[in-house]
Amino acid sequence: MTQPTLRQMRTFLSVVATGSVSAAARSLGLTQPAASQQLRELERHLGVRLLERAAGLAQPTAAGEALLAPARRALAAADDAIAAMAAHRTGDAGRVRLGTGATACIYLLPPILASVRKQMPGLNLSVATGNTGDMVRQVEDGALDLAVVTLPVPRSRSLSVTRLLSDPMVAVIPRGEATRFGASVSAAELNGLPLILYESGANVRSLVEGWFSAAGLAVRPAMELGNVEAIKGLVASGLGCSILPGSATASGMKGAVALKLRPGMKRDLALVLRKEKIIDRGLRAVLDALSRLGKPIPPEKT
């Protein structure tokens, strides 16, 4: 059975409300022949008579009576759909799915996302965390709209990669052990302490292994974890030392201190986006906010 159209059902409801095809046509801005044609097509699609004349008025048959409630619900649903899309047409609503690492999610993104939320309260912001490889694959597959990850990123013709900032890596030492070192610490000096490092597979872990390898040393961690706060807590408890992004050591360092590495090392954070991605207002707001990573967000005007 062919589906009736919203226009046909609107005409039918108008005829029932006004009592005549001509009056319904006038209220809908149609000619009477056009309104009559829509009614005939509706009856043909449904295979029943919907209207009959009684006392000079067009009145619904039993089948027409049964159609009234579904027809009204269908038109109401159409109106709801139009209303729901109004915010999207104006750009006041939408959805942005962002992928990133746990460290950036905890220490770098909150003020950025808060500024976007204030600008667009109706925007649905979701954040997924994982290592660089997982986040990049999800951007490629369309499961994420963009990602902020640690370089390097696997080459892909479908992706654009834009460096956002450099985050210096630092040694995190138990406060009681820090007096043994100066303002900076070398790989050989750290190698004499138990190492508590990110779990294997993360780009940060690869950077750390490369730093030790450049000094002719192999990494043999005493513990491996995927949570930076857990690592900081273990270091503060005196169970070992670690190498973490500097952004992760700006707070919550009771019982531990951060020292520069000698030679220095940094991780580069980058924005990953599909080249053909449509940039709507919500995604544009997030991209503009991310461009301020590493730069202070201006205070609110009062």
Protein backbone atom coordinates (compact mmCIF):
# COMPACT_ATOMS: atom_id res chain seq x y z
CA MET A 1 0.00 0.00 0.00
CA THR A 2 1.31 3.43 -0.97
CA GLN A 3 1.94 5.68 2.01
CA PRO A 4 -0.44 8.65 2.31
CA THR A 5 1.23 12.03 2.35
CA LEU A 6 1.11 14.63 5.09
CA ARG A 7 -0.49 17.05 2.64
CA GLN A 8 -3.32 14.62 1.93
CA MET A 9 -3.98 14.04 5.63
CA ARG A 10 -3.87 17.77 6.35
CA THR A 11 -6.46 18.34 3.65
CA PHE A 12 -8.64 15.54 5.04
CA LEU A 13 -8.50 16.98 8.58
CA SER A 14 -9.29 20.46 7.28
CA VAL A 15 -12.37 19.18 5.41
CA VAL A 16 -13.60 17.46 8.59
CA ALA A 17 -13.00 20.64 10.60
CA THR A 18 -14.69 23.03 8.13
CA GLY A 19 -17.39 20.72 6.79
CA SER A 20 -16.66 21.36 3.12
CA VAL A 21 -13.95 20.86 0.53
CA SER A 22 -14.20 24.44 -0.69
CA ALA A 23 -13.75 25.89 2.80
CA ALA A 24 -10.84 23.55 3.48
CA ALA A 25 -9.22 24.54 0.18
CA ARG A 26 -9.48 28.24 1.07
CA SER A 27 -7.95 27.68 4.53
CA LEU A 28 -5.04 25.75 3.01
CA GLY A 29 -4.46 28.13 0.09
CA LEU A 30 -5.49 25.52 -2.48
CA THR A 31 -7.96 25.46 -5.32
CA GLN A 32 -11.02 23.28 -4.78
CA PRO A 33 -10.04 20.86 -7.61
CA ALA A 34 -6.58 20.45 -6.01
CA ALA A 35 -8.09 19.71 -2.59
CA SER A 36 -10.57 17.25 -4.14
CA GLN A 37 -7.72 15.50 -5.97
CA GLN A 38 -5.75 15.06 -2.74
CA LEU A 39 -8.79 13.52 -1.03
CA ARG A 40 -9.36 11.10 -3.92
CA GLU A 41 -5.70 10.05 -3.85
CA LEU A 42 -5.85 9.54 -0.09
CA GLU A 43 -8.92 7.32 -0.39
CA ARG A 44 -7.30 5.39 -3.25
CA HIS A 45 -4.10 4.84 -1.24
CA LEU A 46 -6.04 3.60 1.80
CA GLY A 47 -8.69 1.68 -0.16
CA VAL A 48 -11.64 3.13 1.79
CA ARG A 49 -14.17 5.97 1.61
CA LEU A 50 -13.28 8.62 4.18
CA LEU A 51 -15.98 11.27 3.68
CA GLU A 52 -19.69 11.41 2.97
CA ARG A 53 -22.20 14.22 2.77
CA ALA A 54 -24.88 14.59 5.42
CA ALA A 55 -27.05 17.62 6.10
CA GLY A 56 -25.09 19.53 3.46
CA LEU A 57 -21.74 18.97 5.17
CA ALA A 58 -18.77 16.72 4.47
CA GLN A 59 -18.53 14.32 7.40
CA PRO A 60 -16.16 11.41 8.09
CA THR A 61 -17.28 7.85 7.52
CA ALA A 62 -16.49 5.18 10.11
CA ALA A 63 -13.13 4.69 8.36
CA GLY A 64 -12.64 8.46 8.36
CA GLU A 65 -13.34 8.59 12.10
CA ALA A 66 -10.68 5.91 12.64
CA LEU A 67 -8.19 7.96 10.63
CA LEU A 68 -8.64 11.21 12.60
CA ALA A 69 -6.39 10.39 15.56
CA PRO A 70 -3.52 8.83 13.52
CA ALA A 71 -3.64 11.71 11.05
CA ARG A 72 -3.42 14.26 13.86
CA ARG A 73 -0.52 12.37 15.43
CA ALA A 74 1.29 12.24 12.09
CA LEU A 75 0.96 16.00 11.57
CA ALA A 76 2.00 16.67 15.18
CA ALA A 77 5.07 14.47 14.72
CA ALA A 78 5.95 16.38 11.54
CA ASP A 79 5.62 19.66 13.43
CA ASP A 80 7.85 18.26 16.20
CA ALA A 81 10.45 17.27 13.61
CA ILE A 82 10.44 20.77 12.15
CA ALA A 83 10.76 22.31 15.61
CA ALA A 84 13.62 19.96 16.53
CA MET A 85 15.51 20.96 13.39
CA ALA A 86 15.06 24.68 13.99
CA ALA A 87 17.92 24.78 16.53
CA HIS A 88 20.15 22.91 14.10
CA ARG A 89 19.33 25.29 11.25
CA THR A 90 20.37 28.25 13.39
CA GLY A 91 23.41 26.37 14.71
CA ASP A 92 22.28 26.49 18.35
CA ALA A 93 22.34 22.70 18.70
CA GLY A 94 24.37 19.82 17.36
CA ARG A 95 26.81 17.09 18.37
CA VAL A 96 30.60 16.93 18.48
CA ARG A 97 32.42 13.69 19.36
CA LEU A 98 35.99 14.29 20.49
CA GLY A 99 38.66 11.67 21.11
CA THR A 100 41.80 12.28 23.14
CA GLY A 101 44.25 10.78 25.62
CA ALA A 102 43.47 10.61 29.31
CA THR A 103 46.10 13.22 30.22
CA ALA A 104 44.79 15.85 27.80
CA CYS A 105 41.23 15.05 28.87
CA ILE A 106 42.04 15.67 32.54
CA TYR A 107 44.52 18.54 32.41
CA LEU A 108 44.14 20.45 29.13
CA LEU A 109 40.61 20.19 27.78
CA PRO A 110 38.27 21.14 30.66
CA PRO A 111 38.62 24.95 30.28
CA ILE A 112 38.46 24.62 26.49
CA LEU A 113 35.27 22.55 26.58
CA ALA A 114 33.75 24.81 29.25
CA SER A 115 34.20 27.81 26.96
CA VAL A 116 32.47 25.93 24.11
CA ARG A 117 29.61 24.93 26.41
CA LYS A 118 29.10 28.55 27.45
CA GLN A 119 29.08 29.65 23.82
CA MET A 120 26.67 26.88 22.72
CA PRO A 121 24.67 25.49 25.66
CA GLY A 122 22.65 23.24 23.35
CA LEU A 123 25.71 21.49 21.88
CA ASN A 124 26.04 17.80 22.78
CA LEU A 125 29.74 17.30 23.56
CA SER A 126 31.00 13.75 24.07
CA VAL A 127 34.61 12.80 24.85
CA ALA A 128 36.21 9.38 24.36
CA THR A 129 39.69 8.52 25.65
CA GLY A 130 42.27 6.08 24.33
CA ASN A 131 45.70 5.86 22.78
CA THR A 132 46.62 7.68 19.58
CA GLY A 133 46.11 4.68 17.28
CA ASP A 134 42.60 3.96 18.55
CA MET A 135 41.51 7.61 18.39
CA VAL A 136 42.87 8.08 14.86
CA ARG A 137 41.12 4.94 13.61
CA GLN A 138 37.82 6.13 15.05
CA VAL A 139 38.20 9.50 13.31
CA GLU A 140 38.89 7.69 10.02
CA ASP A 141 35.86 5.44 10.53
CA GLY A 142 33.57 8.38 11.37
CA ALA A 143 32.94 7.22 14.96
CA LEU A 144 34.63 10.44 16.15
CA ASP A 145 34.48 13.90 14.61
CA LEU A 146 38.00 14.90 15.67
CA ALA A 147 40.79 13.88 18.01
CA VAL A 148 43.56 15.52 20.03
CA VAL A 149 46.42 13.04 20.20
CA THR A 150 50.14 12.70 20.77
CA LEU A 151 52.25 12.64 17.61
CA PRO A 152 53.28 10.73 15.59
CA VAL A 153 50.06 9.90 13.73
CA PRO A 154 49.99 7.16 11.06
CA ARG A 155 49.92 8.66 7.55
CA SER A 156 46.50 8.73 5.91
CA ARG A 157 45.25 10.41 2.76
CA SER A 158 41.86 10.96 4.38
CA LEU A 159 43.12 12.86 7.46
CA SER A 160 44.49 16.30 8.15
CA VAL A 161 46.90 16.62 11.09
CA THR A 162 47.60 20.01 12.70
CA ARG A 163 50.08 20.44 15.54
CA LEU A 164 48.53 22.25 18.51
CA LEU A 165 51.27 22.56 21.15
CA SER A 166 54.38 21.04 22.69
CA ASP A 167 54.11 19.62 26.20
CA PRO A 168 57.54 19.22 27.88
CA MET A 169 58.09 15.87 29.57
CA VAL A 170 59.37 15.94 33.17
CA ALA A 171 60.72 13.49 35.70
CA VAL A 172 58.43 12.97 38.70
CA ILE A 173 60.44 12.04 41.79
CA PRO A 174 59.37 11.27 45.38
CA ARG A 175 59.99 14.38 47.43
CA GLY A 176 62.38 12.52 49.72
CA GLU A 177 64.51 11.39 46.76
CA ALA A 178 64.57 14.73 44.93
CA THR A 179 67.39 16.10 47.12
CA ARG A 180 69.74 13.66 45.41
CA PHE A 181 69.35 15.53 42.13
CA GLY A 182 69.83 19.06 40.92
CA ALA A 183 67.37 21.04 38.80
CA SER A 184 67.43 18.35 36.10
CA VAL A 185 67.91 14.63 35.88
CA SER A 186 69.46 12.33 33.27
CA ALA A 187 68.39 8.91 32.01
CA ALA A 188 71.29 7.27 33.85
CA GLU A 189 70.22 8.86 37.13
CA LEU A 190 66.59 7.80 36.70
CA ASN A 191 67.65 4.33 35.73
CA GLY A 192 68.88 3.81 39.29
CA LEU A 193 65.32 4.14 40.65
CA PRO A 194 62.25 1.92 40.13
CA LEU A 195 60.35 3.20 37.09
CA ILE A 196 56.56 3.58 37.06
CA LEU A 197 55.57 4.25 33.46
CA TYR A 198 52.62 4.45 31.11
CA GLU A 199 51.55 1.10 29.78
CA SER A 200 52.98 -0.12 26.48
CA GLY A 201 51.25 0.96 23.27
CA ALA A 202 50.90 4.66 24.10
CA ASN A 203 52.92 7.22 22.13
CA VAL A 204 54.14 8.74 25.41
CA ARG A 205 55.60 5.37 26.41
CA SER A 206 57.39 5.16 23.05
CA LEU A 207 58.86 8.64 23.62
CA VAL A 208 60.16 7.61 27.04
CA GLU A 209 61.69 4.41 25.68
CA GLY A 210 63.36 6.40 22.90
CA TRP A 211 64.81 8.86 25.43
CA PHE A 212 66.38 6.06 27.46
CA SER A 213 67.55 4.29 24.30
CA ALA A 214 69.38 7.46 23.17
CA ALA A 215 71.38 7.19 26.42
CA GLY A 216 72.19 3.53 25.71
CA LEU A 217 69.72 2.26 28.31
CA ALA A 218 66.78 -0.14 28.08
CA VAL A 219 63.58 0.60 29.95
CA ARG A 220 62.66 -1.97 32.59
CA PRO A 221 59.68 -0.54 34.46
CA ALA A 222 58.80 -1.82 37.89
CA MET A 223 55.14 -0.99 37.21
CA GLU A 224 53.03 -0.03 34.18
CA LEU A 225 49.72 1.83 34.47
CA GLY A 226 47.32 3.60 32.16
CA ASN A 227 46.20 6.24 34.66
CA VAL A 228 48.38 9.28 35.24
CA GLU A 229 46.83 10.08 38.62
CA ALA A 230 47.58 6.56 39.81
CA ILE A 231 51.18 6.95 38.67
CA LYS A 232 51.51 10.25 40.54
CA GLY A 233 50.06 8.67 43.66
CA LEU A 234 52.51 5.77 43.57
CA VAL A 235 55.44 8.12 43.06
CA ALA A 236 54.26 10.31 45.95
CA SER A 237 54.17 7.16 48.10
CA GLY A 238 57.87 6.63 47.42
CA LEU A 239 57.43 3.51 45.28
CA GLY A 240 59.40 4.79 42.31
CA CYS A 241 59.79 7.62 39.81
CA SER A 242 58.16 8.37 36.49
CA ILE A 243 58.31 10.52 33.38
CA LEU A 244 55.08 12.37 32.66
CA PRO A 245 53.82 15.23 30.49
CA GLY A 246 54.45 18.53 32.23
CA SER A 247 50.77 19.45 31.92
CA ALA A 248 49.96 16.55 34.27
CA THR A 249 52.19 17.89 37.05
CA ALA A 250 50.69 21.36 37.47
CA SER A 251 48.49 20.13 40.33
CA GLY A 252 48.10 17.20 42.70
CA MET A 253 51.82 16.76 43.31
CA LYS A 254 51.84 16.43 47.11
CA GLY A 255 54.69 14.11 48.05
CA ALA A 256 56.42 14.39 44.67
CA VAL A 257 58.34 16.98 42.67
CA ALA A 258 58.81 17.53 38.92
CA LEU A 259 62.31 17.97 37.55
CA LYS A 260 63.46 18.83 34.03
CA LEU A 261 64.94 16.09 31.90
CA ARG A 262 68.53 16.26 30.67
CA PRO A 263 68.52 16.31 27.68
CA GLY A 264 65.04 17.74 27.34
CA MET A 265 62.15 15.86 25.77
CA LYS A 266 58.65 16.89 24.76
CA ARG A 267 55.52 15.45 23.31
CA ASP A 268 53.64 17.21 20.52
CA LEU A 269 49.86 17.27 20.60
CA ALA A 270 48.01 17.45 17.31
CA LEU A 271 44.47 17.83 16.02
CA VAL A 272 43.27 15.06 13.70
CA LEU A 273 40.28 15.64 11.41
CA ARG A 274 38.91 13.99 8.28
CA LYS A 275 39.68 16.16 5.28
CA GLU A 276 36.13 15.91 3.93
CA LYS A 277 34.50 16.55 7.32
CA ILE A 278 31.68 19.10 7.17
CA ILE A 279 32.47 21.92 9.61
CA ASP A 280 29.17 22.99 11.15
CA ARG A 281 28.82 25.70 13.80
CA GLY A 282 29.35 23.32 16.73
CA LEU A 283 32.49 21.74 15.31
CA ARG A 284 33.80 25.19 14.36
CA ALA A 285 33.36 26.34 17.96
CA VAL A 286 35.36 23.35 19.22
CA LEU A 287 38.10 23.86 16.62
CA ASP A 288 38.40 27.56 17.46
CA ALA A 289 38.62 26.74 21.17
CA LEU A 290 41.25 24.05 20.59
CA SER A 291 43.35 26.55 18.66
CA ARG A 292 43.79 28.31 22.02
CA LEU A 293 45.40 25.26 23.64
CA GLY A 294 48.58 26.43 25.28
CA LYS A 295 47.31 30.02 25.28
CA PRO A 296 45.49 31.59 28.22
CA ILE A 297 41.73 31.94 27.80
CA PRO A 298 40.73 35.60 28.19
CA PRO A 299 38.85 36.35 31.43
CA GLU A 300 35.13 36.94 31.21
CA LYS A 301 34.03 40.53 30.82
CA THR A 302 31.97 41.86 33.72
